[in-house]
C-alpha atoms as a PDB file:
ATOM      1  CA  VAL A   1     130.362 124.540 114.643  1.00  0.00           C
ATOM      2  CA  VAL A   2     133.372 125.380 112.545  1.00  0.00           C
ATOM      3  CA  VAL A   3     136.491 123.243 112.867  1.00  0.00           C
ATOM      4  CA  ASP A   4     139.628 124.837 111.547  1.00  0.00           C
ATOM      5  CA  ALA A   5     141.820 121.745 111.492  1.00  0.00           C
ATOM      6  CA  PRO A   6     142.884 119.271 108.852  1.00  0.00           C
ATOM      7  CA  ALA A   7     140.806 116.101 108.613  1.00  0.00           C
ATOM      8  CA  SER A   8     143.788 113.999 109.664  1.00  0.00           C
ATOM      9  CA  GLU A   9     143.734 115.672 113.108  1.00  0.00           C
ATOM     10  CA  VAL A  10     140.036 115.110 113.834  1.00  0.00           C
ATOM     11  CA  GLU A  11     139.277 111.832 112.042  1.00  0.00           C
ATOM     12  CA  ASP A  12     139.748 109.695 115.178  1.00  0.00           C
ATOM     13  CA  ASP A  13     137.301 111.908 117.113  1.00  0.00           C
ATOM     14  CA  THR A  14     134.547 111.700 114.488  1.00  0.00           C
ATOM     15  CA  VAL A  15     131.894 109.048 114.904  1.00  0.00           C
ATOM     16  CA  ALA A  16     129.131 108.392 112.410  1.00  0.00           C
ATOM     17  CA  THR A  17     126.216 106.106 113.072  1.00  0.00           C
ATOM     18  CA  VAL A  18     123.569 104.738 110.764  1.00  0.00           C
ATOM     19  CA  ASN A  19     120.160 104.241 112.271  1.00  0.00           C
ATOM     20  CA  GLY A  20     118.975 100.985 110.715  1.00  0.00           C
ATOM     21  CA  GLY A  21     115.384  99.860 110.905  1.00  0.00           C
ATOM     22  CA  VAL A  22     113.968 103.401 110.813  1.00  0.00           C
ATOM     23  CA  SER A  23     111.487 104.581 108.197  1.00  0.00           C
ATOM     24  CA  GLN A  24     109.253 107.622 107.879  1.00  0.00           C
ATOM     25  CA  MET A  25     105.839 107.776 106.225  1.00  0.00           C
ATOM     26  CA  MET A  26     103.235 110.479 105.813  1.00  0.00           C
ATOM     27  CA  TYR A  27      99.524 109.765 106.186  1.00  0.00           C
ATOM     28  CA  LEU A  28      96.472 111.879 105.418  1.00  0.00           C
ATOM     29  CA  CYS A  29      93.563 111.076 107.694  1.00  0.00           C
ATOM     30  CA  SER A  30      89.839 111.628 107.947  1.00  0.00           C
ATOM     31  CA  PRO A  31      88.699 113.598 109.887  1.00  0.00           C
ATOM     32  CA  GLU A  32      91.348 115.937 108.530  1.00  0.00           C
ATOM     33  CA  LEU A  33      94.718 115.307 110.132  1.00  0.00           C
ATOM     34  CA  ALA A  34      98.218 114.819 108.757  1.00  0.00           C
ATOM     35  CA  VAL A  35     100.332 112.220 110.550  1.00  0.00           C
ATOM     36  CA  GLU A  36     104.057 111.679 110.143  1.00  0.00           C
ATOM     37  CA  ALA A  37     104.932 108.190 111.370  1.00  0.00           C
ATOM     38  CA  THR A  38     108.524 107.283 112.150  1.00  0.00           C
ATOM     39  CA  TYR A  39     108.789 103.521 112.534  1.00  0.00           C
ATOM     40  CA  LYS A  40     111.664 102.272 114.690  1.00  0.00           C
ATOM     41  CA  ASP A  41     111.420  98.581 113.888  1.00  0.00           C
ATOM     42  CA  THR A  42     114.403  97.492 115.977  1.00  0.00           C
ATOM     43  CA  ASP A  43     112.788  99.119 119.057  1.00  0.00           C
ATOM     44  CA  ASN A  44     109.216  98.008 118.203  1.00  0.00           C
ATOM     45  CA  GLN A  45     108.117 101.650 118.333  1.00  0.00           C
ATOM     46  CA  VAL A  46     106.466 104.293 116.200  1.00  0.00           C
ATOM     47  CA  VAL A  47     106.582 108.047 116.777  1.00  0.00           C
ATOM     48  CA  LEU A  48     103.462 109.837 115.523  1.00  0.00           C
ATOM     49  CA  ALA A  49     103.815 113.571 114.902  1.00  0.00           C
ATOM     50  CA  THR A  50     100.730 115.712 114.252  1.00  0.00           C
ATOM     51  CA  VAL A  51      99.729 119.353 114.696  1.00  0.00           C
ATOM     52  CA  LYS A  52      98.108 118.210 117.954  1.00  0.00           C
ATOM     53  CA  GLY A  53     101.405 116.881 119.337  1.00  0.00           C
ATOM     54  CA  THR A  54     103.872 114.011 119.164  1.00  0.00           C
ATOM     55  CA  VAL A  55     103.614 110.657 120.884  1.00  0.00           C
ATOM     56  CA  THR A  56     105.798 107.531 121.017  1.00  0.00           C
ATOM     57  CA  LEU A  57     103.939 104.220 120.924  1.00  0.00           C
ATOM     58  CA  THR A  58     105.138 100.676 121.581  1.00  0.00           C
ATOM     59  CA  LYS A  59     104.141  97.653 119.498  1.00  0.00           C
ATOM     60  CA  THR A  60     101.831  95.395 121.500  1.00  0.00           C
ATOM     61  CA  ASN A  61     101.484  92.384 119.205  1.00  0.00           C
ATOM     62  CA  ASP A  62     103.679  90.053 117.167  1.00  0.00           C
ATOM     63  CA  ALA A  63     101.575  90.287 114.030  1.00  0.00           C
ATOM     64  CA  SER A  64     102.746  92.054 110.912  1.00  0.00           C
ATOM     65  CA  ASN A  65      99.220  92.721 109.629  1.00  0.00           C
ATOM     66  CA  PRO A  66      97.847  94.609 111.405  1.00  0.00           C
ATOM     67  CA  GLU A  67     100.602  95.956 113.586  1.00  0.00           C
ATOM     68  CA  VAL A  68      99.214  97.459 116.800  1.00  0.00           C
ATOM     69  CA  PHE A  69     101.046 100.213 118.689  1.00  0.00           C
ATOM     70  CA  GLU A  70      99.785 101.778 121.926  1.00  0.00           C
ATOM     71  CA  GLY A  71     100.710 104.563 124.308  1.00  0.00           C
ATOM     72  CA  THR A  72      99.398 105.723 127.671  1.00  0.00           C
ATOM     73  CA  THR A  73      99.134 109.438 126.904  1.00  0.00           C
ATOM     74  CA  ALA A  74      97.020 111.475 124.508  1.00  0.00           C
ATOM     75  CA  VAL A  75      98.676 112.931 121.392  1.00  0.00           C
ATOM     76  CA  ASP A  76      99.159 116.261 123.166  1.00  0.00           C
ATOM     77  CA  GLY A  77     100.971 114.538 126.061  1.00  0.00           C
ATOM     78  CA  SER A  78      98.071 114.818 128.502  1.00  0.00           C
ATOM     79  CA  GLU A  79      96.371 111.952 130.300  1.00  0.00           C
ATOM     80  CA  GLY A  80      94.684 109.492 127.955  1.00  0.00           C
ATOM     81  CA  PHE A  81      95.728 106.961 125.328  1.00  0.00           C
ATOM     82  CA  VAL A  82      96.617 106.530 121.659  1.00  0.00           C
ATOM     83  CA  GLN A  83      96.352 103.363 119.610  1.00  0.00           C
ATOM     84  CA  TRP A  84      97.795 103.111 116.072  1.00  0.00           C
ATOM     85  CA  ARG A  85      96.828 100.112 113.934  1.00  0.00           C
ATOM     86  CA  VAL A  86      98.646  99.928 110.618  1.00  0.00           C
ATOM     87  CA  ALA A  87      97.866  97.370 107.940  1.00  0.00           C
ATOM     88  CA  ASN A  88      98.820  96.071 104.516  1.00  0.00           C
ATOM     89  CA  GLN A  89     102.206  94.961 103.303  1.00  0.00           C
ATOM     90  CA  ASP A  90     103.727  98.428 103.055  1.00  0.00           C
ATOM     91  CA  ARG A  91     101.896 100.066 105.969  1.00  0.00           C
ATOM     92  CA  GLU A  92      99.559 101.718 103.469  1.00  0.00           C
ATOM     93  CA  THR A  93      96.606 102.290 105.806  1.00  0.00           C
ATOM     94  CA  GLY A  94      96.305 103.144 109.458  1.00  0.00           C
ATOM     95  CA  VAL A  95      93.711 103.816 112.105  1.00  0.00           C
ATOM     96  CA  MET A  96      94.467 106.070 115.052  1.00  0.00           C
ATOM     97  CA  ARG A  97      92.214 105.960 118.094  1.00  0.00           C
ATOM     98  CA  THR A  98      92.846 108.558 120.762  1.00  0.00           C
ATOM     99  CA  ALA A  99      91.160 109.893 123.877  1.00  0.00           C
ATOM    100  CA  GLY A 100      91.954 112.233 126.724  1.00  0.00           C
ATOM    101  CA  THR A 101      90.855 111.754 130.313  1.00  0.00           C
ATOM    102  CA  ASP A 102      87.379 110.636 129.178  1.00  0.00           C
ATOM    103  CA  ALA A 103      88.224 107.204 127.750  1.00  0.00           C
ATOM    104  CA  ALA A 104      84.630 106.821 126.546  1.00  0.00           C
ATOM    105  CA  ASN A 105      85.050 109.814 124.200  1.00  0.00           C
ATOM    106  CA  VAL A 106      87.328 108.248 121.573  1.00  0.00           C
ATOM    107  CA  THR A 107      88.261 110.016 118.330  1.00  0.00           C
ATOM    108  CA  THR A 108      89.018 107.687 115.418  1.00  0.00           C
ATOM    109  CA  TYR A 109      91.050 108.728 112.364  1.00  0.00           C
ATOM    110  CA  GLU A 110      91.123 106.663 109.148  1.00  0.00           C
ATOM    111  CA  CYS A 111      94.513 107.228 107.483  1.00  0.00           C
ATOM    112  CA  LYS A 112      96.079 106.484 104.106  1.00  0.00           C
ATOM    113  CA  LYS A 113      99.723 106.753 103.149  1.00  0.00           C
ATOM    114  CA  SER A 114     100.305 109.830 101.018  1.00  0.00           C
END
């Protein structure tokens, strides 16, 4: 979008917001998987983005170590679940457990902040 007007004419229409309480971290996991975690602390949520898909999880406990986040869909958005447990002071390690429709067939990823 190009605005061809002096700043004095558009300054009242311009709104800027700062999203406080949001942080992003990258994790490398075993078995091999890269996870980008966007923590939204004010909403008690984390968004996990992987090559398999993106999922938003909600914090389910009051603890700070480990923090436990859960969602009711698989990473690819299909039926299933995802659980993300992140530990240590600076969220240095995480464990992701995920399953599709067969809840007995759980895949576990051990993750470290990269």
